[in-house]
Amino acid sequence: MTKRRGKPQKIGDTLAQFLGSSGLAARVEQAGIIPEWPVLVGAQIAKVTEPHHIARDGTLFVAVKTNAWMNELSLMEPQLLSALNAKEGRSRIVKIHWQLMR
């Protein structure tokens, strides 16, 4: 039988402690952009796009429904990056990689 090492801790506290000590907390916070995408870019853009993942280098991969929208969004990239990076303390998105939906 093993001995207990103190009081039980809340799983959320334990997870936060692990993420902080492993250096993953910033990546988890950055990944919060994906569920927030419709709010950050607006309903019209969210309707024709789907964010997939964020690479370690800060590149956000987003699928787009049509080539026309992909061209339009690539021109809007500076404004979109500004909106995505507005939250304080979040690791920055440095580039958006647009790809056609399959």
PDB file of N, CA and C in Angstrom:
ATOM      1  N   MET A   1       0.832  -1.168   0.000  1.00  0.00           N
ATOM      2  CA  MET A   1       0.000   0.000   0.000  1.00  0.00           C
ATOM      3  C   MET A   1       0.890   1.251   0.000  1.00  0.00           C
ATOM      4  N   THR A   2       0.486   2.286  -0.762  1.00  0.00           N
ATOM      5  CA  THR A   2       1.277   3.511  -0.820  1.00  0.00           C
ATOM      6  C   THR A   2       0.726   4.537   0.156  1.00  0.00           C
ATOM      7  N   LYS A   3       1.608   5.403   0.592  1.00  0.00           N
ATOM      8  CA  LYS A   3       1.207   6.464   1.522  1.00  0.00           C
ATOM      9  C   LYS A   3       0.735   7.684   0.747  1.00  0.00           C
ATOM     10  N   ARG A   4      -0.221   8.382   1.302  1.00  0.00           N
ATOM     11  CA  ARG A   4      -0.697   9.633   0.710  1.00  0.00           C
ATOM     12  C   ARG A   4       0.300  10.736   1.003  1.00  0.00           C
ATOM     13  N   ARG A   5       0.387  11.665   0.096  1.00  0.00           N
ATOM     14  CA  ARG A   5       1.326  12.781   0.247  1.00  0.00           C
ATOM     15  C   ARG A   5       0.581  14.086   0.442  1.00  0.00           C
ATOM     16  N   GLY A   6      -0.263  14.166   1.395  1.00  0.00           N
ATOM     17  CA  GLY A   6      -0.998  15.393   1.664  1.00  0.00           C
ATOM     18  C   GLY A   6      -2.456  15.272   1.270  1.00  0.00           C
ATOM     19  N   LYS A   7      -3.116  16.413   1.291  1.00  0.00           N
ATOM     20  CA  LYS A   7      -4.545  16.454   0.974  1.00  0.00           C
ATOM     21  C   LYS A   7      -4.773  16.255  -0.524  1.00  0.00           C
ATOM     22  N   PRO A   8      -5.934  15.721  -0.876  1.00  0.00           N
ATOM     23  CA  PRO A   8      -6.270  15.620  -2.305  1.00  0.00           C
ATOM     24  C   PRO A   8      -6.370  17.022  -2.914  1.00  0.00           C
ATOM     25  N   GLN A   9      -5.975  17.126  -4.168  1.00  0.00           N
ATOM     26  CA  GLN A   9      -6.056  18.408  -4.860  1.00  0.00           C
ATOM     27  C   GLN A   9      -7.126  18.329  -5.948  1.00  0.00           C
ATOM     28  N   LYS A  10      -7.659  19.489  -6.292  1.00  0.00           N
ATOM     29  CA  LYS A  10      -8.619  19.563  -7.392  1.00  0.00           C
ATOM     30  C   LYS A  10      -7.877  19.247  -8.679  1.00  0.00           C
ATOM     31  N   ILE A  11      -8.524  18.507  -9.568  1.00  0.00           N
ATOM     32  CA  ILE A  11      -7.895  18.113 -10.825  1.00  0.00           C
ATOM     33  C   ILE A  11      -7.524  19.335 -11.663  1.00  0.00           C
ATOM     34  N   GLY A  12      -8.347  20.371 -11.626  1.00  0.00           N
ATOM     35  CA  GLY A  12      -8.058  21.595 -12.375  1.00  0.00           C
ATOM     36  C   GLY A  12      -6.783  22.268 -11.894  1.00  0.00           C
ATOM     37  N   ASP A  13      -6.587  22.276 -10.563  1.00  0.00           N
ATOM     38  CA  ASP A  13      -5.370  22.856 -10.001  1.00  0.00           C
ATOM     39  C   ASP A  13      -4.148  22.035 -10.389  1.00  0.00           C
ATOM     40  N   THR A  14      -4.293  20.721 -10.335  1.00  0.00           N
ATOM     41  CA  THR A  14      -3.191  19.831 -10.687  1.00  0.00           C
ATOM     42  C   THR A  14      -2.828  19.989 -12.159  1.00  0.00           C
ATOM     43  N   LEU A  15      -3.834  20.059 -13.012  1.00  0.00           N
ATOM     44  CA  LEU A  15      -3.598  20.220 -14.446  1.00  0.00           C
ATOM     45  C   LEU A  15      -2.929  21.564 -14.742  1.00  0.00           C
ATOM     46  N   ALA A  16      -3.411  22.628 -14.114  1.00  0.00           N
ATOM     47  CA  ALA A  16      -2.814  23.950 -14.316  1.00  0.00           C
ATOM     48  C   ALA A  16      -1.355  23.958 -13.871  1.00  0.00           C
ATOM     49  N   GLN A  17      -1.081  23.308 -12.767  1.00  0.00           N
ATOM     50  CA  GLN A  17       0.286  23.218 -12.257  1.00  0.00           C
ATOM     51  C   GLN A  17       1.175  22.464 -13.255  1.00  0.00           C
ATOM     52  N   PHE A  18       0.676  21.343 -13.782  1.00  0.00           N
ATOM     53  CA  PHE A  18       1.435  20.573 -14.760  1.00  0.00           C
ATOM     54  C   PHE A  18       1.689  21.380 -16.028  1.00  0.00           C
ATOM     55  N   LEU A  19       0.638  22.033 -16.553  1.00  0.00           N
ATOM     56  CA  LEU A  19       0.799  22.815 -17.778  1.00  0.00           C
ATOM     57  C   LEU A  19       1.811  23.938 -17.589  1.00  0.00           C
ATOM     58  N   GLY A  20       1.777  24.567 -16.439  1.00  0.00           N
ATOM     59  CA  GLY A  20       2.728  25.638 -16.159  1.00  0.00           C
ATOM     60  C   GLY A  20       4.158  25.133 -16.076  1.00  0.00           C
ATOM     61  N   SER A  21       4.354  24.040 -15.379  1.00  0.00           N
ATOM     62  CA  SER A  21       5.715  23.520 -15.207  1.00  0.00           C
ATOM     63  C   SER A  21       6.259  22.878 -16.481  1.00  0.00           C
ATOM     64  N   SER A  22       5.395  22.405 -17.367  1.00  0.00           N
ATOM     65  CA  SER A  22       5.850  21.762 -18.596  1.00  0.00           C
ATOM     66  C   SER A  22       6.025  22.755 -19.744  1.00  0.00           C
ATOM     67  N   GLY A  23       5.571  23.990 -19.554  1.00  0.00           N
ATOM     68  CA  GLY A  23       5.674  24.986 -20.614  1.00  0.00           C
ATOM     69  C   GLY A  23       4.551  24.909 -21.638  1.00  0.00           C
ATOM     70  N   LEU A  24       3.539  24.102 -21.362  1.00  0.00           N
ATOM     71  CA  LEU A  24       2.435  23.942 -22.312  1.00  0.00           C
ATOM     72  C   LEU A  24       1.302  24.949 -22.112  1.00  0.00           C
ATOM     73  N   ALA A  25       1.324  25.676 -21.025  1.00  0.00           N
ATOM     74  CA  ALA A  25       0.230  26.603 -20.725  1.00  0.00           C
ATOM     75  C   ALA A  25       0.050  27.645 -21.822  1.00  0.00           C
ATOM     76  N   ALA A  26       1.150  28.159 -22.356  1.00  0.00           N
ATOM     77  CA  ALA A  26       1.055  29.174 -23.404  1.00  0.00           C
ATOM     78  C   ALA A  26       0.437  28.601 -24.676  1.00  0.00           C
ATOM     79  N   ARG A  27       0.767  27.354 -25.009  1.00  0.00           N
ATOM     80  CA  ARG A  27       0.203  26.716 -26.208  1.00  0.00           C
ATOM     81  C   ARG A  27      -1.292  26.447 -26.034  1.00  0.00           C
ATOM     82  N   VAL A  28      -1.689  26.055 -24.826  1.00  0.00           N
ATOM     83  CA  VAL A  28      -3.108  25.806 -24.557  1.00  0.00           C
ATOM     84  C   VAL A  28      -3.879  27.119 -24.654  1.00  0.00           C
ATOM     85  N   GLU A  29      -3.319  28.185 -24.100  1.00  0.00           N
ATOM     86  CA  GLU A  29      -3.962  29.500 -24.180  1.00  0.00           C
ATOM     87  C   GLU A  29      -4.078  29.945 -25.633  1.00  0.00           C
ATOM     88  N   GLN A  30      -3.020  29.737 -26.412  1.00  0.00           N
ATOM     89  CA  GLN A  30      -3.018  30.103 -27.823  1.00  0.00           C
ATOM     90  C   GLN A  30      -4.078  29.315 -28.589  1.00  0.00           C
ATOM     91  N   ALA A  31      -4.248  28.049 -28.247  1.00  0.00           N
ATOM     92  CA  ALA A  31      -5.242  27.207 -28.918  1.00  0.00           C
ATOM     93  C   ALA A  31      -6.666  27.682 -28.651  1.00  0.00           C
ATOM     94  N   GLY A  32      -6.851  28.519 -27.634  1.00  0.00           N
ATOM     95  CA  GLY A  32      -8.160  29.090 -27.352  1.00  0.00           C
ATOM     96  C   GLY A  32      -8.699  29.928 -28.492  1.00  0.00           C
ATOM     97  N   ILE A  33      -7.839  30.302 -29.421  1.00  0.00           N
ATOM     98  CA  ILE A  33      -8.272  31.074 -30.589  1.00  0.00           C
ATOM     99  C   ILE A  33      -9.246  30.259 -31.437  1.00  0.00           C
ATOM    100  N   ILE A  34      -9.042  28.960 -31.508  1.00  0.00           N
ATOM    101  CA  ILE A  34      -9.871  28.134 -32.396  1.00  0.00           C
ATOM    102  C   ILE A  34     -11.348  28.162 -31.997  1.00  0.00           C
ATOM    103  N   PRO A  35     -11.724  27.903 -30.746  1.00  0.00           N
ATOM    104  CA  PRO A  35     -13.156  28.009 -30.423  1.00  0.00           C
ATOM    105  C   PRO A  35     -13.673  29.448 -30.427  1.00  0.00           C
ATOM    106  N   GLU A  36     -12.776  30.430 -30.272  1.00  0.00           N
ATOM    107  CA  GLU A  36     -13.178  31.837 -30.283  1.00  0.00           C
ATOM    108  C   GLU A  36     -13.238  32.422 -31.695  1.00  0.00           C
ATOM    109  N   TRP A  37     -12.848  31.653 -32.701  1.00  0.00           N
ATOM    110  CA  TRP A  37     -12.745  32.121 -34.080  1.00  0.00           C
ATOM    111  C   TRP A  37     -13.963  32.915 -34.547  1.00  0.00           C
ATOM    112  N   PRO A  38     -15.200  32.427 -34.412  1.00  0.00           N
ATOM    113  CA  PRO A  38     -16.355  33.199 -34.907  1.00  0.00           C
ATOM    114  C   PRO A  38     -16.476  34.584 -34.261  1.00  0.00           C
ATOM    115  N   VAL A  39     -16.169  34.670 -32.990  1.00  0.00           N
ATOM    116  CA  VAL A  39     -16.253  35.953 -32.297  1.00  0.00           C
ATOM    117  C   VAL A  39     -15.134  36.883 -32.759  1.00  0.00           C
ATOM    118  N   LEU A  40     -13.945  36.334 -32.956  1.00  0.00           N
ATOM    119  CA  LEU A  40     -12.781  37.143 -33.319  1.00  0.00           C
ATOM    120  C   LEU A  40     -12.827  37.659 -34.751  1.00  0.00           C
ATOM    121  N   VAL A  41     -13.361  36.867 -35.683  1.00  0.00           N
ATOM    122  CA  VAL A  41     -13.343  37.271 -37.099  1.00  0.00           C
ATOM    123  C   VAL A  41     -14.701  37.709 -37.615  1.00  0.00           C
ATOM    124  N   GLY A  42     -15.763  37.426 -36.897  1.00  0.00           N
ATOM    125  CA  GLY A  42     -17.097  37.808 -37.332  1.00  0.00           C
ATOM    126  C   GLY A  42     -17.826  36.651 -38.012  1.00  0.00           C
ATOM    127  N   ALA A  43     -19.135  36.732 -38.005  1.00  0.00           N
ATOM    128  CA  ALA A  43     -19.982  35.650 -38.507  1.00  0.00           C
ATOM    129  C   ALA A  43     -19.794  35.384 -39.993  1.00  0.00           C
ATOM    130  N   GLN A  44     -19.629  36.431 -40.789  1.00  0.00           N
ATOM    131  CA  GLN A  44     -19.521  36.257 -42.242  1.00  0.00           C
ATOM    132  C   GLN A  44     -18.259  35.461 -42.599  1.00  0.00           C
ATOM    133  N   ILE A  45     -17.133  35.811 -41.997  1.00  0.00           N
ATOM    134  CA  ILE A  45     -15.880  35.097 -42.272  1.00  0.00           C
ATOM    135  C   ILE A  45     -15.936  33.697 -41.663  1.00  0.00           C
ATOM    136  N   ALA A  46     -16.483  33.576 -40.473  1.00  0.00           N
ATOM    137  CA  ALA A  46     -16.565  32.268 -39.808  1.00  0.00           C
ATOM    138  C   ALA A  46     -17.399  31.281 -40.618  1.00  0.00           C
ATOM    139  N   LYS A  47     -18.377  31.804 -41.361  1.00  0.00           N
ATOM    140  CA  LYS A  47     -19.260  30.945 -42.148  1.00  0.00           C
ATOM    141  C   LYS A  47     -18.517  30.269 -43.307  1.00  0.00           C
ATOM    142  N   VAL A  48     -17.442  30.882 -43.799  1.00  0.00           N
ATOM    143  CA  VAL A  48     -16.728  30.351 -44.965  1.00  0.00           C
ATOM    144  C   VAL A  48     -15.335  29.821 -44.619  1.00  0.00           C
ATOM    145  N   THR A  49     -15.024  29.759 -43.328  1.00  0.00           N
ATOM    146  CA  THR A  49     -13.698  29.293 -42.899  1.00  0.00           C
ATOM    147  C   THR A  49     -13.823  28.283 -41.777  1.00  0.00           C
ATOM    148  N   GLU A  50     -12.726  27.576 -41.563  1.00  0.00           N
ATOM    149  CA  GLU A  50     -12.661  26.620 -40.460  1.00  0.00           C
ATOM    150  C   GLU A  50     -11.205  26.537 -39.973  1.00  0.00           C
ATOM    151  N   PRO A  51     -10.929  27.086 -38.783  1.00  0.00           N
ATOM    152  CA  PRO A  51      -9.557  26.994 -38.275  1.00  0.00           C
ATOM    153  C   PRO A  51      -9.249  25.553 -37.870  1.00  0.00           C
ATOM    154  N   HIS A  52      -8.051  25.082 -38.224  1.00  0.00           N
ATOM    155  CA  HIS A  52      -7.701  23.690 -37.945  1.00  0.00           C
ATOM    156  C   HIS A  52      -6.736  23.541 -36.777  1.00  0.00           C
ATOM    157  N   HIS A  53      -5.580  24.156 -36.870  1.00  0.00           N
ATOM    158  CA  HIS A  53      -4.604  24.023 -35.795  1.00  0.00           C
ATOM    159  C   HIS A  53      -3.593  25.162 -35.856  1.00  0.00           C
ATOM    160  N   ILE A  54      -2.809  25.261 -34.787  1.00  0.00           N
ATOM    161  CA  ILE A  54      -1.771  26.282 -34.692  1.00  0.00           C
ATOM    162  C   ILE A  54      -0.441  25.569 -34.513  1.00  0.00           C
ATOM    163  N   ALA A  55       0.494  25.858 -35.407  1.00  0.00           N
ATOM    164  CA  ALA A  55       1.827  25.263 -35.325  1.00  0.00           C
ATOM    165  C   ALA A  55       2.632  25.949 -34.219  1.00  0.00           C
ATOM    166  N   ARG A  56       3.686  25.291 -33.789  1.00  0.00           N
ATOM    167  CA  ARG A  56       4.540  25.851 -32.728  1.00  0.00           C
ATOM    168  C   ARG A  56       5.133  27.203 -33.094  1.00  0.00           C
ATOM    169  N   ASP A  57       5.336  27.445 -34.390  1.00  0.00           N
ATOM    170  CA  ASP A  57       5.927  28.722 -34.816  1.00  0.00           C
ATOM    171  C   ASP A  57       4.911  29.856 -34.866  1.00  0.00           C
ATOM    172  N   GLY A  58       3.662  29.587 -34.472  1.00  0.00           N
ATOM    173  CA  GLY A  58       2.634  30.628 -34.443  1.00  0.00           C
ATOM    174  C   GLY A  58       1.840  30.756 -35.724  1.00  0.00           C
ATOM    175  N   THR A  59       1.927  29.769 -36.619  1.00  0.00           N
ATOM    176  CA  THR A  59       1.152  29.786 -37.853  1.00  0.00           C
ATOM    177  C   THR A  59      -0.194  29.116 -37.602  1.00  0.00           C
ATOM    178  N   LEU A  60      -1.256  29.838 -37.930  1.00  0.00           N
ATOM    179  CA  LEU A  60      -2.616  29.309 -37.808  1.00  0.00           C
ATOM    180  C   LEU A  60      -3.040  28.778 -39.175  1.00  0.00           C
ATOM    181  N   PHE A  61      -3.483  27.531 -39.228  1.00  0.00           N
ATOM    182  CA  PHE A  61      -3.934  26.908 -40.467  1.00  0.00           C
ATOM    183  C   PHE A  61      -5.456  26.984 -40.524  1.00  0.00           C
ATOM    184  N   VAL A  62      -5.953  27.610 -41.596  1.00  0.00           N
ATOM    185  CA  VAL A  62      -7.393  27.834 -41.747  1.00  0.00           C
ATOM    186  C   VAL A  62      -7.842  27.352 -43.118  1.00  0.00           C
ATOM    187  N   ALA A  63      -8.891  26.530 -43.143  1.00  0.00           N
ATOM    188  CA  ALA A  63      -9.489  26.074 -44.401  1.00  0.00           C
ATOM    189  C   ALA A  63     -10.541  27.091 -44.837  1.00  0.00           C
ATOM    190  N   VAL A  64     -10.608  27.325 -46.145  1.00  0.00           N
ATOM    191  CA  VAL A  64     -11.521  28.316 -46.725  1.00  0.00           C
ATOM    192  C   VAL A  64     -12.344  27.634 -47.815  1.00  0.00           C
ATOM    193  N   LYS A  65     -13.628  28.012 -47.921  1.00  0.00           N
ATOM    194  CA  LYS A  65     -14.538  27.342 -48.860  1.00  0.00           C
ATOM    195  C   LYS A  65     -14.218  27.587 -50.331  1.00  0.00           C
ATOM    196  N   THR A  66     -13.806  28.808 -50.698  1.00  0.00           N
ATOM    197  CA  THR A  66     -13.582  29.107 -52.118  1.00  0.00           C
ATOM    198  C   THR A  66     -12.271  29.862 -52.311  1.00  0.00           C
ATOM    199  N   ASN A  67     -11.770  29.815 -53.555  1.00  0.00           N
ATOM    200  CA  ASN A  67     -10.564  30.573 -53.895  1.00  0.00           C
ATOM    201  C   ASN A  67     -10.787  32.079 -53.755  1.00  0.00           C
ATOM    202  N   ALA A  68     -11.975  32.531 -54.125  1.00  0.00           N
ATOM    203  CA  ALA A  68     -12.280  33.958 -54.027  1.00  0.00           C
ATOM    204  C   ALA A  68     -12.174  34.430 -52.582  1.00  0.00           C
ATOM    205  N   TRP A  69     -12.738  33.651 -51.659  1.00  0.00           N
ATOM    206  CA  TRP A  69     -12.634  34.009 -50.244  1.00  0.00           C
ATOM    207  C   TRP A  69     -11.187  33.927 -49.760  1.00  0.00           C
ATOM    208  N   MET A  70     -10.440  32.951 -50.247  1.00  0.00           N
ATOM    209  CA  MET A  70      -9.052  32.813 -49.839  1.00  0.00           C
ATOM    210  C   MET A  70      -8.251  34.057 -50.252  1.00  0.00           C
ATOM    211  N   ASN A  71      -8.486  34.547 -51.455  1.00  0.00           N
ATOM    212  CA  ASN A  71      -7.812  35.766 -51.912  1.00  0.00           C
ATOM    213  C   ASN A  71      -8.205  36.961 -51.062  1.00  0.00           C
ATOM    214  N   GLU A  72      -9.475  37.107 -50.800  1.00  0.00           N
ATOM    215  CA  GLU A  72      -9.969  38.226 -49.994  1.00  0.00           C
ATOM    216  C   GLU A  72      -9.379  38.186 -48.587  1.00  0.00           C
ATOM    217  N   LEU A  73      -9.384  37.009 -47.982  1.00  0.00           N
ATOM    218  CA  LEU A  73      -8.884  36.869 -46.617  1.00  0.00           C
ATOM    219  C   LEU A  73      -7.373  37.080 -46.533  1.00  0.00           C
ATOM    220  N   SER A  74      -6.650  36.679 -47.559  1.00  0.00           N
ATOM    221  CA  SER A  74      -5.206  36.916 -47.540  1.00  0.00           C
ATOM    222  C   SER A  74      -4.907  38.411 -47.569  1.00  0.00           C
ATOM    223  N   LEU A  75      -5.747  39.191 -48.237  1.00  0.00           N
ATOM    224  CA  LEU A  75      -5.584  40.647 -48.229  1.00  0.00           C
ATOM    225  C   LEU A  75      -5.951  41.248 -46.868  1.00  0.00           C
ATOM    226  N   MET A  76      -6.841  40.575 -46.157  1.00  0.00           N
ATOM    227  CA  MET A  76      -7.283  41.050 -44.842  1.00  0.00           C
ATOM    228  C   MET A  76      -6.412  40.517 -43.697  1.00  0.00           C
ATOM    229  N   GLU A  77      -5.384  39.740 -44.016  1.00  0.00           N
ATOM    230  CA  GLU A  77      -4.598  39.072 -42.979  1.00  0.00           C
ATOM    231  C   GLU A  77      -4.056  40.015 -41.901  1.00  0.00           C
ATOM    232  N   PRO A  78      -3.522  41.198 -42.240  1.00  0.00           N
ATOM    233  CA  PRO A  78      -3.043  42.081 -41.159  1.00  0.00           C
ATOM    234  C   PRO A  78      -4.136  42.451 -40.148  1.00  0.00           C
ATOM    235  N   GLN A  79      -5.339  42.743 -40.632  1.00  0.00           N
ATOM    236  CA  GLN A  79      -6.446  43.081 -39.730  1.00  0.00           C
ATOM    237  C   GLN A  79      -6.867  41.869 -38.904  1.00  0.00           C
ATOM    238  N   LEU A  80      -6.895  40.697 -39.536  1.00  0.00           N
ATOM    239  CA  LEU A  80      -7.276  39.480 -38.816  1.00  0.00           C
ATOM    240  C   LEU A  80      -6.242  39.132 -37.742  1.00  0.00           C
ATOM    241  N   LEU A  81      -4.962  39.265 -38.059  1.00  0.00           N
ATOM    242  CA  LEU A  81      -3.915  39.006 -37.062  1.00  0.00           C
ATOM    243  C   LEU A  81      -4.047  39.950 -35.879  1.00  0.00           C
ATOM    244  N   SER A  82      -4.369  41.187 -36.174  1.00  0.00           N
ATOM    245  CA  SER A  82      -4.568  42.165 -35.103  1.00  0.00           C
ATOM    246  C   SER A  82      -5.704  41.744 -34.172  1.00  0.00           C
ATOM    247  N   ALA A  83      -6.801  41.279 -34.746  1.00  0.00           N
ATOM    248  CA  ALA A  83      -7.940  40.817 -33.939  1.00  0.00           C
ATOM    249  C   ALA A  83      -7.587  39.566 -33.147  1.00  0.00           C
ATOM    250  N   LEU A  84      -6.864  38.641 -33.769  1.00  0.00           N
ATOM    251  CA  LEU A  84      -6.499  37.394 -33.102  1.00  0.00           C
ATOM    252  C   LEU A  84      -5.512  37.621 -31.958  1.00  0.00           C
ATOM    253  N   ASN A  85      -4.668  38.629 -32.099  1.00  0.00           N
ATOM    254  CA  ASN A  85      -3.618  38.887 -31.102  1.00  0.00           C
ATOM    255  C   ASN A  85      -3.983  39.967 -30.097  1.00  0.00           C
ATOM    256  N   ALA A  86      -5.242  40.371 -30.066  1.00  0.00           N
ATOM    257  CA  ALA A  86      -5.660  41.455 -29.186  1.00  0.00           C
ATOM    258  C   ALA A  86      -5.650  41.075 -27.705  1.00  0.00           C
ATOM    259  N   LYS A  87      -5.839  39.810 -27.398  1.00  0.00           N
ATOM    260  CA  LYS A  87      -5.899  39.372 -26.001  1.00  0.00           C
ATOM    261  C   LYS A  87      -4.506  39.395 -25.370  1.00  0.00           C
ATOM    262  N   GLU A  88      -4.388  40.092 -24.249  1.00  0.00           N
ATOM    263  CA  GLU A  88      -3.121  40.198 -23.532  1.00  0.00           C
ATOM    264  C   GLU A  88      -2.674  38.854 -22.986  1.00  0.00           C
ATOM    265  N   GLY A  89      -1.387  38.594 -23.035  1.00  0.00           N
ATOM    266  CA  GLY A  89      -0.825  37.409 -22.420  1.00  0.00           C
ATOM    267  C   GLY A  89      -0.905  36.142 -23.259  1.00  0.00           C
ATOM    268  N   ARG A  90      -1.497  36.227 -24.415  1.00  0.00           N
ATOM    269  CA  ARG A  90      -1.624  35.052 -25.291  1.00  0.00           C
ATOM    270  C   ARG A  90      -0.460  35.044 -26.273  1.00  0.00           C
ATOM    271  N   SER A  91       0.113  33.861 -26.532  1.00  0.00           N
ATOM    272  CA  SER A  91       1.167  33.746 -27.539  1.00  0.00           C
ATOM    273  C   SER A  91       0.618  34.208 -28.879  1.00  0.00           C
ATOM    274  N   ARG A  92       1.421  34.954 -29.598  1.00  0.00           N
ATOM    275  CA  ARG A  92       0.961  35.585 -30.828  1.00  0.00           C
ATOM    276  C   ARG A  92       0.835  34.607 -31.993  1.00  0.00           C
ATOM    277  N   ILE A  93      -0.156  34.887 -32.830  1.00  0.00           N
ATOM    278  CA  ILE A  93      -0.273  34.240 -34.130  1.00  0.00           C
ATOM    279  C   ILE A  93       0.525  35.133 -35.076  1.00  0.00           C
ATOM    280  N   VAL A  94       1.514  34.571 -35.759  1.00  0.00           N
ATOM    281  CA  VAL A  94       2.380  35.391 -36.601  1.00  0.00           C
ATOM    282  C   VAL A  94       2.002  35.322 -38.076  1.00  0.00           C
ATOM    283  N   LYS A  95       1.275  34.286 -38.454  1.00  0.00           N
ATOM    284  CA  LYS A  95       0.927  34.104 -39.857  1.00  0.00           C
ATOM    285  C   LYS A  95      -0.318  33.225 -39.941  1.00  0.00           C
ATOM    286  N   ILE A  96      -1.096  33.444 -40.989  1.00  0.00           N
ATOM    287  CA  ILE A  96      -2.242  32.571 -41.259  1.00  0.00           C
ATOM    288  C   ILE A  96      -1.974  31.866 -42.583  1.00  0.00           C
ATOM    289  N   HIS A  97      -2.049  30.564 -42.550  1.00  0.00           N
ATOM    290  CA  HIS A  97      -1.880  29.754 -43.770  1.00  0.00           C
ATOM    291  C   HIS A  97      -3.268  29.365 -44.248  1.00  0.00           C
ATOM    292  N   TRP A  98      -3.660  29.904 -45.393  1.00  0.00           N
ATOM    293  CA  TRP A  98      -4.984  29.638 -45.950  1.00  0.00           C
ATOM    294  C   TRP A  98      -4.897  28.418 -46.860  1.00  0.00           C
ATOM    295  N   GLN A  99      -5.854  27.510 -46.725  1.00  0.00           N
ATOM    296  CA  GLN A  99      -5.895  26.337 -47.595  1.00  0.00           C
ATOM    297  C   GLN A  99      -7.340  26.090 -47.995  1.00  0.00           C
ATOM    298  N   LEU A 100      -7.521  25.587 -49.198  1.00  0.00           N
ATOM    299  CA  LEU A 100      -8.855  25.334 -49.720  1.00  0.00           C
ATOM    300  C   LEU A 100      -9.466  24.118 -49.012  1.00  0.00           C
ATOM    301  N   MET A 101     -10.736  24.224 -48.636  1.00  0.00           N
ATOM    302  CA  MET A 101     -11.427  23.097 -47.982  1.00  0.00           C
ATOM    303  C   MET A 101     -11.523  21.935 -48.949  1.00  0.00           C
ATOM    304  N   ARG A 102     -11.451  20.764 -48.386  1.00  0.00           N
ATOM    305  CA  ARG A 102     -11.572  19.551 -49.215  1.00  0.00           C
ATOM    306  C   ARG A 102     -12.935  18.941 -49.062  1.00  0.00           C
TER     307      ARG A 102
END
